[in-house]
C-alpha atoms as a PDB file:
ATOM      1  CA  MET A   1       4.594   2.413 -22.712  1.00  0.00           C
ATOM      2  CA  VAL A   2       5.047   6.160 -22.422  1.00  0.00           C
ATOM      3  CA  PRO A   3       4.401   8.437 -19.470  1.00  0.00           C
ATOM      4  CA  PRO A   4       1.339  10.709 -19.704  1.00  0.00           C
ATOM      5  CA  VAL A   5       1.329  14.315 -18.565  1.00  0.00           C
ATOM      6  CA  ASN A   6       1.767  14.093 -14.790  1.00  0.00           C
ATOM      7  CA  ASP A   7       0.603  16.222 -11.938  1.00  0.00           C
ATOM      8  CA  PRO A   8       3.969  17.004 -10.297  1.00  0.00           C
ATOM      9  CA  THR A   9       2.355  16.785  -6.853  1.00  0.00           C
ATOM     10  CA  GLY A  10       0.845  13.355  -7.502  1.00  0.00           C
ATOM     11  CA  PRO A  11       2.221   9.847  -7.994  1.00  0.00           C
ATOM     12  CA  PRO A  12       3.900   8.940 -11.312  1.00  0.00           C
ATOM     13  CA  ARG A  13       1.560   7.698 -14.029  1.00  0.00           C
ATOM     14  CA  VAL A  14       2.432   5.318 -16.856  1.00  0.00           C
ATOM     15  CA  CYS A  15       0.332   4.842 -19.967  1.00  0.00           C
ATOM     16  CA  ARG A  16      -0.771   1.371 -20.996  1.00  0.00           C
ATOM     17  CA  ALA A  17      -0.703   0.293 -24.624  1.00  0.00           C
ATOM     18  CA  ASP A  18      -4.210   1.724 -25.088  1.00  0.00           C
ATOM     19  CA  CYS A  19      -3.147   5.068 -23.545  1.00  0.00           C
ATOM     20  CA  THR A  20      -5.221   4.543 -20.402  1.00  0.00           C
ATOM     21  CA  TYR A  21      -3.562   4.675 -16.983  1.00  0.00           C
ATOM     22  CA  CYS A  22      -4.358   4.441 -13.295  1.00  0.00           C
ATOM     23  CA  GLY A  23      -5.198   8.012 -12.351  1.00  0.00           C
ATOM     24  CA  ASP A  24      -6.970   9.119 -15.528  1.00  0.00           C
ATOM     25  CA  GLY A  25     -10.310   9.242 -13.710  1.00  0.00           C
ATOM     26  CA  ILE A  26     -11.820   6.330 -15.670  1.00  0.00           C
ATOM     27  CA  VAL A  27     -12.157   2.878 -14.096  1.00  0.00           C
ATOM     28  CA  GLN A  28     -10.540   0.319 -16.403  1.00  0.00           C
ATOM     29  CA  LYS A  29     -11.742  -2.989 -14.937  1.00  0.00           C
ATOM     30  CA  SER A  30     -10.092  -4.979 -17.727  1.00  0.00           C
ATOM     31  CA  SER A  31      -6.748  -3.620 -16.483  1.00  0.00           C
ATOM     32  CA  GLY A  32      -7.431  -4.578 -12.875  1.00  0.00           C
ATOM     33  CA  GLU A  33      -8.638  -1.219 -11.580  1.00  0.00           C
ATOM     34  CA  SER A  34     -11.285  -1.286  -8.838  1.00  0.00           C
ATOM     35  CA  CYS A  35     -11.639   2.505  -8.741  1.00  0.00           C
ATOM     36  CA  ASP A  36     -10.037   5.599 -10.287  1.00  0.00           C
ATOM     37  CA  ASP A  37     -10.826   9.024  -8.865  1.00  0.00           C
ATOM     38  CA  GLY A  38      -8.059  10.801 -10.785  1.00  0.00           C
ATOM     39  CA  ASN A  39      -6.583  12.535  -7.744  1.00  0.00           C
ATOM     40  CA  SER A  40      -3.295  12.137  -5.849  1.00  0.00           C
ATOM     41  CA  VAL A  41      -4.803  11.350  -2.425  1.00  0.00           C
ATOM     42  CA  ASP A  42      -3.869   7.810  -1.391  1.00  0.00           C
ATOM     43  CA  GLY A  43      -7.086   6.931   0.422  1.00  0.00           C
ATOM     44  CA  VAL A  44      -8.120   8.644   3.657  1.00  0.00           C
ATOM     45  CA  CYS A  45      -9.923   6.705   6.370  1.00  0.00           C
ATOM     46  CA  GLN A  46     -10.263   9.091   9.301  1.00  0.00           C
ATOM     47  CA  ASN A  47     -13.913   9.801   8.654  1.00  0.00           C
ATOM     48  CA  ARG A  48     -16.829   7.434   8.084  1.00  0.00           C
ATOM     49  CA  PRO A  49     -17.296   7.290   5.154  1.00  0.00           C
ATOM     50  CA  PRO A  50     -13.618   7.818   4.284  1.00  0.00           C
ATOM     51  CA  LEU A  51     -12.620  11.200   2.886  1.00  0.00           C
ATOM     52  CA  ASP A  52     -11.094   9.449  -0.126  1.00  0.00           C
ATOM     53  CA  ASN A  53     -12.282   5.961  -1.114  1.00  0.00           C
ATOM     54  CA  CYS A  54      -9.717   5.220  -3.833  1.00  0.00           C
ATOM     55  CA  ARG A  55      -5.988   4.624  -3.440  1.00  0.00           C
ATOM     56  CA  ASN A  56      -3.328   5.744  -5.899  1.00  0.00           C
ATOM     57  CA  ASP A  57      -2.930   2.183  -7.208  1.00  0.00           C
ATOM     58  CA  CYS A  58      -6.639   2.203  -8.142  1.00  0.00           C
ATOM     59  CA  THR A  59      -7.688  -0.147  -5.346  1.00  0.00           C
ATOM     60  CA  ILE A  60     -10.254   0.621  -2.638  1.00  0.00           C
ATOM     61  CA  PRO A  61      -8.807   1.229   0.839  1.00  0.00           C
ATOM     62  CA  ILE A  62      -9.133  -1.185   3.731  1.00  0.00           C
ATOM     63  CA  CYS A  63      -9.725   0.968   6.807  1.00  0.00           C
ATOM     64  CA  GLY A  64      -9.452   0.106  10.487  1.00  0.00           C
ATOM     65  CA  ASP A  65      -7.378  -2.997   9.795  1.00  0.00           C
ATOM     66  CA  PRO A  66      -5.456  -4.104  12.903  1.00  0.00           C
ATOM     67  CA  ALA A  67      -4.038  -7.618  12.545  1.00  0.00           C
ATOM     68  CA  LYS A  68      -2.014 -10.180  14.476  1.00  0.00           C
ATOM     69  CA  ILE A  69       0.108 -13.244  13.796  1.00  0.00           C
ATOM     70  CA  LYS A  70       0.861 -15.530  16.726  1.00  0.00           C
ATOM     71  CA  PHE A  71       3.478 -18.258  16.438  1.00  0.00           C
ATOM     72  CA  HIS A  72       3.036 -21.654  18.077  1.00  0.00           C
ATOM     73  CA  ASN A  73       5.528 -24.457  18.588  1.00  0.00           C
ATOM     74  CA  PRO A  74       5.041 -27.373  16.146  1.00  0.00           C
ATOM     75  CA  PRO A  75       2.998 -29.421  15.694  1.00  0.00           C
ATOM     76  CA  ALA A  76       0.605 -26.606  16.668  1.00  0.00           C
ATOM     77  CA  LEU A  77      -0.102 -24.219  13.792  1.00  0.00           C
ATOM     78  CA  ASP A  78       0.479 -20.464  13.761  1.00  0.00           C
ATOM     79  CA  TYR A  79      -2.571 -18.201  14.093  1.00  0.00           C
ATOM     80  CA  PHE A  80      -3.496 -15.169  11.956  1.00  0.00           C
ATOM     81  CA  THR A  81      -6.365 -12.711  12.349  1.00  0.00           C
ATOM     82  CA  VAL A  82      -7.297  -9.444  10.641  1.00  0.00           C
ATOM     83  CA  PHE A  83     -10.212  -7.023  10.900  1.00  0.00           C
ATOM     84  CA  GLY A  84     -11.108  -4.241   8.468  1.00  0.00           C
ATOM     85  CA  ARG A  85     -13.752  -1.887   7.092  1.00  0.00           C
ATOM     86  CA  ILE A  86     -14.483  -1.460   3.382  1.00  0.00           C
ATOM     87  CA  ILE A  87     -16.893   0.583   1.268  1.00  0.00           C
ATOM     88  CA  PRO A  88     -17.453  -1.133  -2.107  1.00  0.00           C
ATOM     89  CA  ILE A  89     -18.192   1.092  -5.070  1.00  0.00           C
ATOM     90  CA  ASP A  90     -20.120  -1.437  -7.158  1.00  0.00           C
ATOM     91  CA  ALA A  91     -22.707  -4.103  -6.337  1.00  0.00           C
ATOM     92  CA  PHE A  92     -21.330  -6.337  -3.585  1.00  0.00           C
ATOM     93  CA  ASN A  93     -22.223  -9.987  -3.000  1.00  0.00           C
ATOM     94  CA  PRO A  94     -19.290 -11.957  -1.549  1.00  0.00           C
ATOM     95  CA  GLY A  95     -21.477 -15.036  -1.234  1.00  0.00           C
ATOM     96  CA  ALA A  96     -21.593 -15.332  -5.018  1.00  0.00           C
ATOM     97  CA  GLU A  97     -17.925 -14.519  -5.712  1.00  0.00           C
ATOM     98  CA  PRO A  98     -14.568 -16.104  -4.877  1.00  0.00           C
ATOM     99  CA  VAL A  99     -12.842 -14.214  -2.058  1.00  0.00           C
ATOM    100  CA  THR A 100      -9.138 -14.058  -1.212  1.00  0.00           C
ATOM    101  CA  PHE A 101      -7.043 -12.356   1.435  1.00  0.00           C
ATOM    102  CA  THR A 102      -3.273 -12.067   0.921  1.00  0.00           C
ATOM    103  CA  LEU A 103      -0.258 -10.512   2.601  1.00  0.00           C
ATOM    104  CA  THR A 104       2.626  -9.705   0.248  1.00  0.00           C
ATOM    105  CA  ASP A 105       6.084  -8.261   0.902  1.00  0.00           C
ATOM    106  CA  GLN A 106       7.592  -5.212  -0.793  1.00  0.00           C
ATOM    107  CA  GLN A 107       8.736  -7.363  -3.743  1.00  0.00           C
ATOM    108  CA  GLY A 108       5.221  -8.719  -4.268  1.00  0.00           C
ATOM    109  CA  ASN A 109       5.969 -12.187  -2.900  1.00  0.00           C
ATOM    110  CA  VAL A 110       2.878 -13.814  -1.375  1.00  0.00           C
ATOM    111  CA  LEU A 111       3.514 -14.606   2.294  1.00  0.00           C
ATOM    112  CA  ILE A 112      -0.020 -15.485   3.400  1.00  0.00           C
ATOM    113  CA  SER A 113      -2.938 -16.380   1.136  1.00  0.00           C
ATOM    114  CA  GLU A 114      -6.358 -17.565   2.254  1.00  0.00           C
ATOM    115  CA  SER A 115      -9.195 -18.147  -0.225  1.00  0.00           C
ATOM    116  CA  LEU A 116     -12.796 -19.301  -0.449  1.00  0.00           C
ATOM    117  CA  GLN A 117     -14.620 -20.383  -3.578  1.00  0.00           C
ATOM    118  CA  ALA A 118     -17.868 -18.771  -4.674  1.00  0.00           C
ATOM    119  CA  GLY A 119     -20.681 -20.022  -2.455  1.00  0.00           C
ATOM    120  CA  GLN A 120     -18.531 -20.943   0.563  1.00  0.00           C
ATOM    121  CA  LEU A 121     -19.455 -17.697   2.294  1.00  0.00           C
ATOM    122  CA  THR A 122     -23.096 -18.310   3.177  1.00  0.00           C
ATOM    123  CA  THR A 123     -25.760 -15.834   4.191  1.00  0.00           C
ATOM    124  CA  ARG A 124     -26.087 -15.252   7.938  1.00  0.00           C
ATOM    125  CA  GLY A 125     -28.662 -12.596   8.727  1.00  0.00           C
ATOM    126  CA  SER A 126     -27.708  -9.551   6.679  1.00  0.00           C
ATOM    127  CA  GLY A 127     -24.099 -10.692   6.231  1.00  0.00           C
ATOM    128  CA  TRP A 128     -22.027 -13.720   5.194  1.00  0.00           C
ATOM    129  CA  ARG A 129     -19.984 -16.248   7.140  1.00  0.00           C
ATOM    130  CA  PHE A 130     -17.761 -19.291   6.726  1.00  0.00           C
ATOM    131  CA  SER A 131     -16.302 -21.473   9.481  1.00  0.00           C
ATOM    132  CA  SER A 132     -14.262 -24.672   9.716  1.00  0.00           C
ATOM    133  CA  ILE A 133     -13.608 -26.436  13.016  1.00  0.00           C
ATOM    134  CA  SER A 134     -10.789 -28.498  11.473  1.00  0.00           C
ATOM    135  CA  ALA A 135      -8.623 -25.473  10.580  1.00  0.00           C
ATOM    136  CA  ARG A 136      -6.950 -25.356  13.995  1.00  0.00           C
ATOM    137  CA  THR A 137      -5.293 -28.741  13.389  1.00  0.00           C
ATOM    138  CA  GLN A 138      -5.305 -29.018   9.579  1.00  0.00           C
ATOM    139  CA  GLY A 139      -4.655 -25.406   8.601  1.00  0.00           C
ATOM    140  CA  GLY A 140      -6.645 -22.953   6.511  1.00  0.00           C
ATOM    141  CA  ILE A 141      -9.479 -20.596   7.350  1.00  0.00           C
ATOM    142  CA  LYS A 142     -11.070 -21.005  10.757  1.00  0.00           C
ATOM    143  CA  SER A 143     -13.668 -18.288  10.174  1.00  0.00           C
ATOM    144  CA  TRP A 144     -14.443 -15.516   7.723  1.00  0.00           C
ATOM    145  CA  SER A 145     -17.254 -13.043   8.236  1.00  0.00           C
ATOM    146  CA  ILE A 146     -18.477 -10.011   6.294  1.00  0.00           C
ATOM    147  CA  ASN A 147     -21.234  -7.828   7.754  1.00  0.00           C
ATOM    148  CA  PRO A 148     -22.944  -4.534   6.879  1.00  0.00           C
ATOM    149  CA  HIS A 149     -21.628  -1.535   8.816  1.00  0.00           C
ATOM    150  CA  ASN A 150     -22.783   2.057   8.256  1.00  0.00           C
ATOM    151  CA  ARG A 151     -22.403   2.665   4.494  1.00  0.00           C
ATOM    152  CA  GLY A 152     -20.051  -0.267   3.982  1.00  0.00           C
ATOM    153  CA  TYR A 153     -18.994  -3.568   5.515  1.00  0.00           C
ATOM    154  CA  THR A 154     -16.661  -5.003   8.118  1.00  0.00           C
ATOM    155  CA  PHE A 155     -14.760  -8.222   7.599  1.00  0.00           C
ATOM    156  CA  ARG A 156     -12.788 -10.535   9.884  1.00  0.00           C
ATOM    157  CA  VAL A 157     -10.567 -13.447   8.876  1.00  0.00           C
ATOM    158  CA  GLN A 158      -9.034 -16.010  11.237  1.00  0.00           C
ATOM    159  CA  ALA A 159      -6.718 -18.705   9.901  1.00  0.00           C
ATOM    160  CA  TYR A 160      -4.125 -21.299  10.927  1.00  0.00           C
ATOM    161  CA  GLY A 161      -0.966 -22.340   9.099  1.00  0.00           C
ATOM    162  CA  ASN A 162       2.796 -21.803   8.845  1.00  0.00           C
ATOM    163  CA  PHE A 163       3.274 -18.039   8.830  1.00  0.00           C
ATOM    164  CA  ARG A 164       6.985 -17.830   9.696  1.00  0.00           C
ATOM    165  CA  ASP A 165       7.953 -16.136   6.394  1.00  0.00           C
ATOM    166  CA  VAL A 166       6.205 -12.843   7.182  1.00  0.00           C
ATOM    167  CA  THR A 167       8.179  -9.615   7.393  1.00  0.00           C
ATOM    168  CA  SER A 168       7.801  -6.074   8.740  1.00  0.00           C
ATOM    169  CA  PHE A 169       6.411  -4.306   5.641  1.00  0.00           C
ATOM    170  CA  MET A 170       3.431  -6.031   4.042  1.00  0.00           C
ATOM    171  CA  LYS A 171       0.491  -5.172   1.799  1.00  0.00           C
ATOM    172  CA  ALA A 172      -2.913  -6.611   2.671  1.00  0.00           C
ATOM    173  CA  THR A 173      -5.245  -7.313  -0.239  1.00  0.00           C
ATOM    174  CA  LEU A 174      -8.850  -8.432   0.037  1.00  0.00           C
ATOM    175  CA  THR A 175     -10.215  -9.540  -3.335  1.00  0.00           C
ATOM    176  CA  VAL A 176     -13.939 -10.119  -3.865  1.00  0.00           C
ATOM    177  CA  GLY A 177     -14.604 -11.265  -7.402  1.00  0.00           C
ATOM    178  CA  GLY A 178     -12.662  -8.746  -9.479  1.00  0.00           C
ATOM    179  CA  THR A 179     -12.613  -5.955  -6.880  1.00  0.00           C
ATOM    180  CA  ARG A 180      -9.498  -5.336  -4.787  1.00  0.00           C
ATOM    181  CA  PHE A 181      -9.290  -3.610  -1.409  1.00  0.00           C
ATOM    182  CA  THR A 182      -5.811  -2.875  -0.001  1.00  0.00           C
ATOM    183  CA  ALA A 183      -3.823  -1.422   2.885  1.00  0.00           C
ATOM    184  CA  ASP A 184      -0.087  -1.208   3.540  1.00  0.00           C
ATOM    185  CA  GLY A 185       1.298  -1.885   6.994  1.00  0.00           C
ATOM    186  CA  LYS A 186       4.451  -1.646   9.074  1.00  0.00           C
ATOM    187  CA  TRP A 187       4.217  -4.687  11.338  1.00  0.00           C
ATOM    188  CA  LEU A 188       5.976  -4.879  14.701  1.00  0.00           C
ATOM    189  CA  GLN A 189       7.638  -8.063  15.892  1.00  0.00           C
ATOM    190  CA  THR A 190       6.682  -9.337  19.329  1.00  0.00           C
ATOM    191  CA  ASN A 191       7.909 -12.191  21.516  1.00  0.00           C
ATOM    192  CA  SER A 192       5.214 -14.445  20.085  1.00  0.00           C
ATOM    193  CA  GLY A 193       4.762 -13.205  16.501  1.00  0.00           C
ATOM    194  CA  TRP A 194       3.828  -9.982  14.703  1.00  0.00           C
ATOM    195  CA  VAL A 195       1.203  -7.296  15.199  1.00  0.00           C
ATOM    196  CA  LEU A 196      -0.149  -4.481  13.024  1.00  0.00           C
ATOM    197  CA  PHE A 197      -1.487  -1.525  14.989  1.00  0.00           C
ATOM    198  CA  LEU A 198      -3.995   0.802  13.352  1.00  0.00           C
ATOM    199  CA  HIS A 199      -1.640   3.809  13.398  1.00  0.00           C
ATOM    200  CA  ASN A 200       0.962   1.809  11.435  1.00  0.00           C
ATOM    201  CA  ALA A 201      -1.426   1.051   8.565  1.00  0.00           C
ATOM    202  CA  THR A 202      -1.772   3.129   5.382  1.00  0.00           C
ATOM    203  CA  PRO A 203      -4.410   4.380   5.012  1.00  0.00           C
ATOM    204  CA  HIS A 204      -5.765   4.497   8.571  1.00  0.00           C
END
């Protein structure tokens, strides 16, 4: 792989074997890109819709994504919840696609991963929803909802499990089918767990 001509003000770009790269302005879905606007702005969420709806890693930004992890003494399970806003670029039907939400550390290790198979999110009004009353005692997803909001959607995930391996810097990734939405966060430790405030998320 060889580096392409770079914009010195933008992030570094690296050519793939076929001479395409994230940042060339062409969405290469076969290489895992969900968007590619060709600029050096790493997603901007202040406005609705966001000023820039594509991050420099060619994923779509998760905006407005405060989150919380609350520890409980065993045998009770730890609790995790996250809320976010997304604006998909392509056709969007999470009821017909597998969906996954993960938190990874700076080395890419998966610390939290919650998934639903295609069809588990069922239509509720104009949105989609999944719920499981057994999650509180058995672990897994308690509820997952996705609903229309302005030009995009909001989502909320609540889950139970063992979340003691989390750390202060984590990347959140929501995957719907082959489309990825991401945000990076600096989490703060509390007496009972961890919390991500909106102003500590990138973008926000």
